[in-house]
């Protein structure tokens, strides 16, 4: 671990997993054990040009000699996946943070029900490995466009046990979409429910699980459920430095901070990871994230600068 608290890892293996999806195995350059992680955890990759991207760990938590991530190539994305797919090679050294878990598995429940869409399967793989280790029942419903575009298909089939089941739903062979409502209605009342995938799948999941106890409903988003605030027309005042920066139309607060070389931590740039959480001293934020709770948003003491804006003419930040 270097002075910035980051780990150095070496790319040991790159594997094609599905159309547009590759997995990357990372190891310690000296062959030592990597920090332990719990199912559902992710790591932040620090890439060239200041890019920081979060990827779920997709291997069994009992494995200490490697981390595995899966990256979907997104040509219309923000550049991280394109750089990884086109440039990263076996043997190269990357810097990553230690594992962080915002999507933990609740162990010891009667049954766990998982609903995944596309690349959303990645944080669930360690959960299935862990539940198998504990000999606990689970069911996975996995929606993808086609078998050719389904990451870890054969690996998932190999994880099935007498009390555990994988059900695939392929867009190329079905008439109706995955019936999330029916899946949740059939789940035992004390089951814990997990969902990760595209926004539409998450929205269906939240509607279907609305009557379930909140403590039994778990999800992880790839992006915030609302669009980022890019209307501009306000200023941010940085209390520590006294700098006053105008936020123009088409820009987020984070864009403006980075344009003016303000040192601010960020990762997902989508309002879901919490990395860019910044204190608010005065003003009324226009919250667009899915990280802060409703109570935290009402308190207006912090803001996710990557996606949120301001309802007041001036927003005073603790920067």
Protein backbone atom coordinates (compact mmCIF):
# COMPACT_ATOMS: atom_id res chain seq x y z
CA UNK A 1 0.00 0.00 0.00
CA UNK A 2 1.45 3.36 -1.01
CA UNK A 3 1.33 6.71 0.78
CA UNK A 4 -2.06 7.51 -0.75
CA UNK A 5 -3.59 4.41 0.81
CA UNK A 6 -3.78 2.65 -2.56
CA UNK A 7 -2.78 -0.91 -3.39
CA UNK A 8 -0.63 -1.87 -6.33
CA UNK A 9 -1.93 -4.87 -8.25
CA UNK A 10 -0.78 -6.64 -11.39
CA UNK A 11 -3.09 -7.85 -14.15
CA UNK A 12 -2.61 -11.62 -14.12
CA UNK A 13 -5.23 -12.68 -16.63
CA UNK A 14 -7.79 -11.23 -19.03
CA UNK A 15 -10.67 -13.44 -20.12
CA UNK A 16 -13.53 -12.96 -22.57
CA UNK A 17 -16.75 -13.61 -20.61
CA UNK A 18 -19.48 -12.54 -23.04
CA UNK A 19 -20.00 -10.23 -25.98
CA UNK A 20 -18.57 -6.87 -24.87
CA UNK A 21 -17.61 -8.12 -21.39
CA UNK A 22 -14.15 -9.16 -20.20
CA UNK A 23 -12.94 -10.17 -16.76
CA UNK A 24 -9.62 -9.07 -15.29
CA UNK A 25 -7.78 -10.98 -12.58
CA UNK A 26 -5.65 -8.81 -10.31
CA UNK A 27 -2.94 -10.03 -7.96
CA UNK A 28 -0.34 -8.58 -5.64
CA UNK A 29 2.95 -8.03 -7.56
CA UNK A 30 4.83 -9.97 -4.87
CA UNK A 31 2.32 -12.82 -4.73
CA UNK A 32 1.14 -11.98 -1.21
CA UNK A 33 -2.46 -12.23 -0.05
CA UNK A 34 -4.70 -9.32 -0.92
CA UNK A 35 -6.87 -7.64 1.74
CA UNK A 36 -9.91 -9.72 2.65
CA UNK A 37 -13.28 -8.67 1.28
CA UNK A 38 -16.92 -9.51 1.92
CA UNK A 39 -19.47 -10.48 -0.71
CA UNK A 40 -20.86 -7.41 -2.49
CA UNK A 41 -17.68 -5.33 -2.19
CA UNK A 42 -16.10 -3.24 -4.94
CA UNK A 43 -12.74 -1.61 -5.62
CA UNK A 44 -11.94 1.72 -7.22
CA UNK A 45 -9.47 1.54 -10.11
CA UNK A 46 -7.27 4.62 -10.55
CA UNK A 47 -6.73 4.94 -14.29
CA UNK A 48 -4.79 7.43 -16.46
CA UNK A 49 -5.95 11.04 -16.87
CA UNK A 50 -7.39 11.08 -13.36
CA UNK A 51 -10.13 8.56 -14.10
CA UNK A 52 -11.40 6.60 -11.11
CA UNK A 53 -13.90 3.83 -11.77
CA UNK A 54 -15.64 1.42 -9.39
CA UNK A 55 -15.99 -2.28 -10.20
CA UNK A 56 -17.56 -5.03 -8.13
CA UNK A 57 -15.39 -7.95 -7.09
CA UNK A 58 -16.66 -11.08 -8.82
CA UNK A 59 -14.79 -13.96 -7.20
CA UNK A 60 -15.31 -15.98 -4.04
CA UNK A 61 -14.48 -14.00 -0.86
CA UNK A 62 -12.47 -16.97 0.38
CA UNK A 63 -9.89 -16.35 -2.37
CA UNK A 64 -7.09 -14.14 -1.06
CA UNK A 65 -4.58 -14.35 -3.92
CA UNK A 66 -6.70 -12.56 -6.52
CA UNK A 67 -9.44 -10.06 -7.18
CA UNK A 68 -11.61 -10.50 -10.25
CA UNK A 69 -13.58 -7.71 -11.86
CA UNK A 70 -15.72 -7.71 -15.00
CA UNK A 71 -15.90 -4.70 -17.31
CA UNK A 72 -18.53 -4.11 -19.96
CA UNK A 73 -17.31 -2.06 -22.91
CA UNK A 74 -19.47 1.06 -23.11
CA UNK A 75 -18.54 3.10 -26.20
CA UNK A 76 -20.88 5.91 -25.09
CA UNK A 77 -19.55 5.92 -21.53
CA UNK A 78 -17.07 8.24 -19.81
CA UNK A 79 -13.92 6.54 -21.10
CA UNK A 80 -13.00 4.13 -18.33
CA UNK A 81 -14.30 0.94 -19.92
CA UNK A 82 -12.95 1.96 -23.34
CA UNK A 83 -9.45 2.46 -21.92
CA UNK A 84 -9.55 -0.86 -20.05
CA UNK A 85 -10.76 -2.84 -23.06
CA UNK A 86 -8.43 -1.22 -25.57
CA UNK A 87 -5.27 -0.57 -23.57
CA UNK A 88 -4.94 -2.68 -20.42
CA UNK A 89 -2.73 -5.72 -20.89
CA UNK A 90 -1.59 -8.70 -18.81
CA UNK A 91 1.38 -7.82 -16.61
CA UNK A 92 0.53 -4.12 -16.21
CA UNK A 93 0.39 -2.52 -12.77
CA UNK A 94 -2.72 -0.72 -11.55
CA UNK A 95 -3.52 1.23 -8.41
CA UNK A 96 -6.71 0.37 -6.56
CA UNK A 97 -8.31 1.18 -3.23
CA UNK A 98 -8.92 -1.49 -0.62
CA UNK A 99 -12.33 -3.19 -1.00
CA UNK A 100 -15.39 -1.16 0.01
CA UNK A 101 -18.80 -2.74 0.61
CA UNK A 102 -21.97 -0.72 0.01
CA UNK A 103 -24.00 -3.81 -1.02
CA UNK A 104 -23.44 -6.37 1.74
CA UNK A 105 -24.90 -9.86 1.89
CA UNK A 106 -27.06 -10.65 4.92
CA UNK A 107 -26.04 -14.11 6.06
CA UNK A 108 -28.12 -16.60 8.02
CA UNK A 109 -31.49 -15.93 6.31
CA UNK A 110 -33.93 -18.65 5.30
CA UNK A 111 -33.60 -17.84 1.59
CA UNK A 112 -31.94 -15.20 -0.58
CA UNK A 113 -33.48 -14.16 -3.90
CA UNK A 114 -31.30 -12.40 -6.49
CA UNK A 115 -32.46 -10.49 -9.56
CA UNK A 116 -29.66 -9.45 -11.94
CA UNK A 117 -29.61 -7.70 -15.28
CA UNK A 118 -26.57 -7.84 -17.57
CA UNK A 119 -23.33 -6.82 -15.89
CA UNK A 120 -25.30 -6.50 -12.63
CA UNK A 121 -24.44 -10.13 -11.99
CA UNK A 122 -20.92 -9.24 -10.82
CA UNK A 123 -21.55 -8.29 -7.17
CA UNK A 124 -23.85 -11.31 -6.79
CA UNK A 125 -21.28 -13.93 -7.76
CA UNK A 126 -19.36 -13.64 -4.45
CA UNK A 127 -22.69 -13.78 -2.62
CA UNK A 128 -23.58 -17.09 -4.28
CA UNK A 129 -20.15 -18.52 -3.49
CA UNK A 130 -20.53 -17.44 0.13
CA UNK A 131 -24.05 -18.87 0.49
CA UNK A 132 -22.89 -22.18 -0.97
CA UNK A 133 -20.07 -22.22 1.56
CA UNK A 134 -22.64 -21.68 4.34
CA UNK A 135 -24.98 -24.27 2.75
CA UNK A 136 -27.83 -21.74 2.62
CA UNK A 137 -30.53 -21.69 -0.11
CA UNK A 138 -30.72 -19.09 -2.83
CA UNK A 139 -32.40 -18.39 -6.16
CA UNK A 140 -30.99 -16.28 -8.98
CA UNK A 141 -33.04 -14.74 -11.81
CA UNK A 142 -30.65 -13.40 -14.44
CA UNK A 143 -31.86 -11.36 -17.42
CA UNK A 144 -29.60 -10.82 -20.43
CA UNK A 145 -30.03 -10.13 -24.13
CA UNK A 146 -28.86 -13.57 -25.28
CA UNK A 147 -26.73 -16.52 -24.07
CA UNK A 148 -23.84 -15.08 -26.08
CA UNK A 149 -24.12 -11.85 -24.06
CA UNK A 150 -24.47 -13.50 -20.64
CA UNK A 151 -21.35 -13.21 -18.50
CA UNK A 152 -20.33 -16.19 -16.33
CA UNK A 153 -23.12 -18.37 -17.72
CA UNK A 154 -21.38 -21.73 -17.30
CA UNK A 155 -19.84 -20.72 -13.97
CA UNK A 156 -23.29 -19.90 -12.63
CA UNK A 157 -24.68 -23.21 -13.78
CA UNK A 158 -21.86 -24.89 -11.90
CA UNK A 159 -22.90 -23.09 -8.70
CA UNK A 160 -26.38 -24.64 -8.64
CA UNK A 161 -27.03 -26.90 -5.66
CA UNK A 162 -30.01 -29.05 -4.62
CA UNK A 163 -31.47 -26.06 -2.69
CA UNK A 164 -30.25 -23.36 -5.06
CA UNK A 165 -31.35 -22.53 -8.59
CA UNK A 166 -30.38 -20.28 -11.51
CA UNK A 167 -33.07 -19.14 -13.95
CA UNK A 168 -31.95 -17.33 -17.11
CA UNK A 169 -34.22 -14.98 -19.03
CA UNK A 170 -32.88 -14.16 -22.50
CA UNK A 171 -34.32 -11.29 -24.49
CA UNK A 172 -33.62 -13.12 -27.73
CA UNK A 173 -35.90 -16.04 -26.84
CA UNK A 174 -38.71 -14.58 -24.71
CA UNK A 175 -41.91 -12.70 -25.41
CA UNK A 176 -42.28 -10.88 -22.07
CA UNK A 177 -39.74 -9.16 -19.85
CA UNK A 178 -38.53 -10.71 -16.63
CA UNK A 179 -41.57 -10.71 -14.30
CA UNK A 180 -40.02 -9.11 -11.24
CA UNK A 181 -43.39 -8.79 -9.53
CA UNK A 182 -44.09 -12.50 -9.81
CA UNK A 183 -40.61 -13.39 -8.55
CA UNK A 184 -40.98 -11.28 -5.43
CA UNK A 185 -44.57 -12.40 -4.82
CA UNK A 186 -43.37 -16.03 -4.83
CA UNK A 187 -40.47 -15.36 -2.45
CA UNK A 188 -40.93 -16.34 1.22
CA UNK A 189 -41.95 -13.43 3.43
CA UNK A 190 -38.70 -13.63 5.40
CA UNK A 191 -36.48 -13.87 2.29
CA UNK A 192 -33.89 -11.21 1.59
CA UNK A 193 -34.18 -9.72 -1.89
CA UNK A 194 -31.25 -8.38 -3.96
CA UNK A 195 -31.23 -6.54 -7.28
CA UNK A 196 -28.52 -5.05 -9.48
CA UNK A 197 -28.79 -4.02 -13.12
CA UNK A 198 -30.21 -1.36 -15.45
CA UNK A 199 -32.39 1.46 -14.12
CA UNK A 200 -35.61 -0.03 -15.49
CA UNK A 201 -34.99 -3.32 -13.69
CA UNK A 202 -34.20 -1.50 -10.45
CA UNK A 203 -37.40 0.56 -10.75
CA UNK A 204 -39.50 -2.59 -11.29
CA UNK A 205 -37.81 -4.18 -8.30
CA UNK A 206 -38.54 -1.25 -5.99
CA UNK A 207 -42.21 -1.20 -6.99
CA UNK A 208 -42.60 -4.96 -6.53
CA UNK A 209 -40.76 -4.98 -3.18
CA UNK A 210 -42.48 -1.90 -1.74
CA UNK A 211 -44.53 -3.93 0.74
CA UNK A 212 -41.54 -5.90 2.03
CA UNK A 213 -39.60 -4.76 5.13
CA UNK A 214 -36.91 -2.30 4.05
CA UNK A 215 -34.25 -4.29 5.92
CA UNK A 216 -34.89 -7.23 3.56
CA UNK A 217 -34.61 -5.24 0.31
CA UNK A 218 -31.13 -4.60 -1.10
CA UNK A 219 -30.04 -3.01 -4.37
CA UNK A 220 -27.06 -1.50 -6.12
CA UNK A 221 -27.39 0.98 -8.96
CA UNK A 222 -24.96 1.71 -11.78
CA UNK A 223 -26.26 5.27 -12.10
CA UNK A 224 -28.60 7.61 -10.27
CA UNK A 225 -32.30 7.28 -11.04
CA UNK A 226 -32.53 10.93 -12.12
CA UNK A 227 -30.44 12.88 -14.61
CA UNK A 228 -27.56 15.00 -13.36
CA UNK A 229 -28.22 18.69 -12.76
CA UNK A 230 -26.56 20.49 -15.67
CA UNK A 231 -28.80 23.55 -15.94
CA UNK A 232 -26.16 25.79 -14.36
CA UNK A 233 -26.90 29.42 -13.63
CA UNK A 234 -25.54 29.51 -10.07
CA UNK A 235 -22.25 29.92 -8.22
CA UNK A 236 -20.39 27.76 -5.75
CA UNK A 237 -18.40 29.49 -3.03
CA UNK A 238 -15.55 27.44 -1.65
CA UNK A 239 -15.43 28.39 2.02
CA UNK A 240 -11.86 27.28 2.78
CA UNK A 241 -10.22 29.05 -0.14
CA UNK A 242 -12.75 31.83 -0.68
CA UNK A 243 -12.93 31.07 -4.40
CA UNK A 244 -16.21 31.77 -6.20
CA UNK A 245 -16.87 29.64 -9.29
CA UNK A 246 -19.69 30.00 -11.79
CA UNK A 247 -21.49 26.83 -12.88
CA UNK A 248 -22.53 27.30 -16.49
CA UNK A 249 -25.23 25.48 -18.44
CA UNK A 250 -24.15 21.98 -19.43
CA UNK A 251 -21.73 21.63 -16.50
CA UNK A 252 -21.99 19.79 -13.20
CA UNK A 253 -20.45 21.15 -10.03
CA UNK A 254 -17.79 18.45 -10.31
CA UNK A 255 -16.97 19.52 -13.87
CA UNK A 256 -16.38 23.09 -12.69
CA UNK A 257 -14.29 22.03 -9.68
CA UNK A 258 -12.05 19.88 -11.87
CA UNK A 259 -11.80 22.60 -14.52
CA UNK A 260 -10.36 24.88 -11.82
CA UNK A 261 -8.01 22.24 -10.38
CA UNK A 262 -9.91 21.89 -7.11
CA UNK A 263 -8.82 18.69 -5.37
CA UNK A 264 -12.02 16.71 -4.80
CA UNK A 265 -12.48 12.97 -4.49
CA UNK A 266 -14.88 11.28 -6.90
CA UNK A 267 -15.45 7.89 -8.48
CA UNK A 268 -18.70 6.87 -10.18
CA UNK A 269 -19.69 10.39 -11.39
CA UNK A 270 -23.27 9.10 -11.29
CA UNK A 271 -24.43 9.79 -7.74
CA UNK A 272 -24.42 6.25 -6.40
CA UNK A 273 -21.08 5.62 -4.69
CA UNK A 274 -20.77 8.52 -2.24
CA UNK A 275 -17.10 9.27 -3.00
CA UNK A 276 -17.71 12.94 -3.85
CA UNK A 277 -19.85 13.72 -0.81
CA UNK A 278 -19.11 17.33 0.13
CA UNK A 279 -20.28 19.39 3.07
CA UNK A 280 -22.79 22.20 2.49
CA UNK A 281 -22.44 25.29 4.67
CA UNK A 282 -25.15 27.46 3.12
CA UNK A 283 -27.59 27.29 0.23
CA UNK A 284 -30.13 24.74 -1.00
CA UNK A 285 -28.82 21.82 -3.04
CA UNK A 286 -30.78 20.26 -5.88
CA UNK A 287 -30.20 16.63 -4.92
CA UNK A 288 -30.01 14.19 -7.86
CA UNK A 289 -28.16 11.26 -6.24
CA UNK A 290 -29.23 7.85 -4.98
CA UNK A 291 -26.74 7.75 -2.11
CA UNK A 292 -28.06 10.17 0.52
CA UNK A 293 -31.12 9.17 2.52
CA UNK A 294 -34.29 11.26 2.35
CA UNK A 295 -33.48 12.63 5.80
CA UNK A 296 -29.96 13.61 4.73
CA UNK A 297 -31.31 15.36 1.64
CA UNK A 298 -33.82 17.31 3.72
CA UNK A 299 -31.08 18.36 6.15
CA UNK A 300 -29.05 19.88 3.24
CA UNK A 301 -25.75 19.40 5.05
CA UNK A 302 -24.05 17.56 2.21
CA UNK A 303 -24.20 17.15 -1.55
CA UNK A 304 -22.92 14.77 -4.22
CA UNK A 305 -21.16 17.26 -6.46
CA UNK A 306 -20.91 14.82 -9.37
CA UNK A 307 -24.60 15.01 -10.19
CA UNK A 308 -26.45 17.45 -7.93
CA UNK A 309 -26.93 21.18 -8.47
CA UNK A 310 -28.27 24.16 -6.56
CA UNK A 311 -31.72 25.65 -6.10
CA UNK A 312 -30.20 28.79 -4.60
CA UNK A 313 -28.15 31.39 -6.46
CA UNK A 314 -25.10 30.59 -4.33
CA UNK A 315 -24.08 27.29 -2.78
CA UNK A 316 -21.39 27.45 -0.11
CA UNK A 317 -19.32 24.27 0.05
CA UNK A 318 -16.87 23.04 2.65
CA UNK A 319 -13.95 23.10 0.22
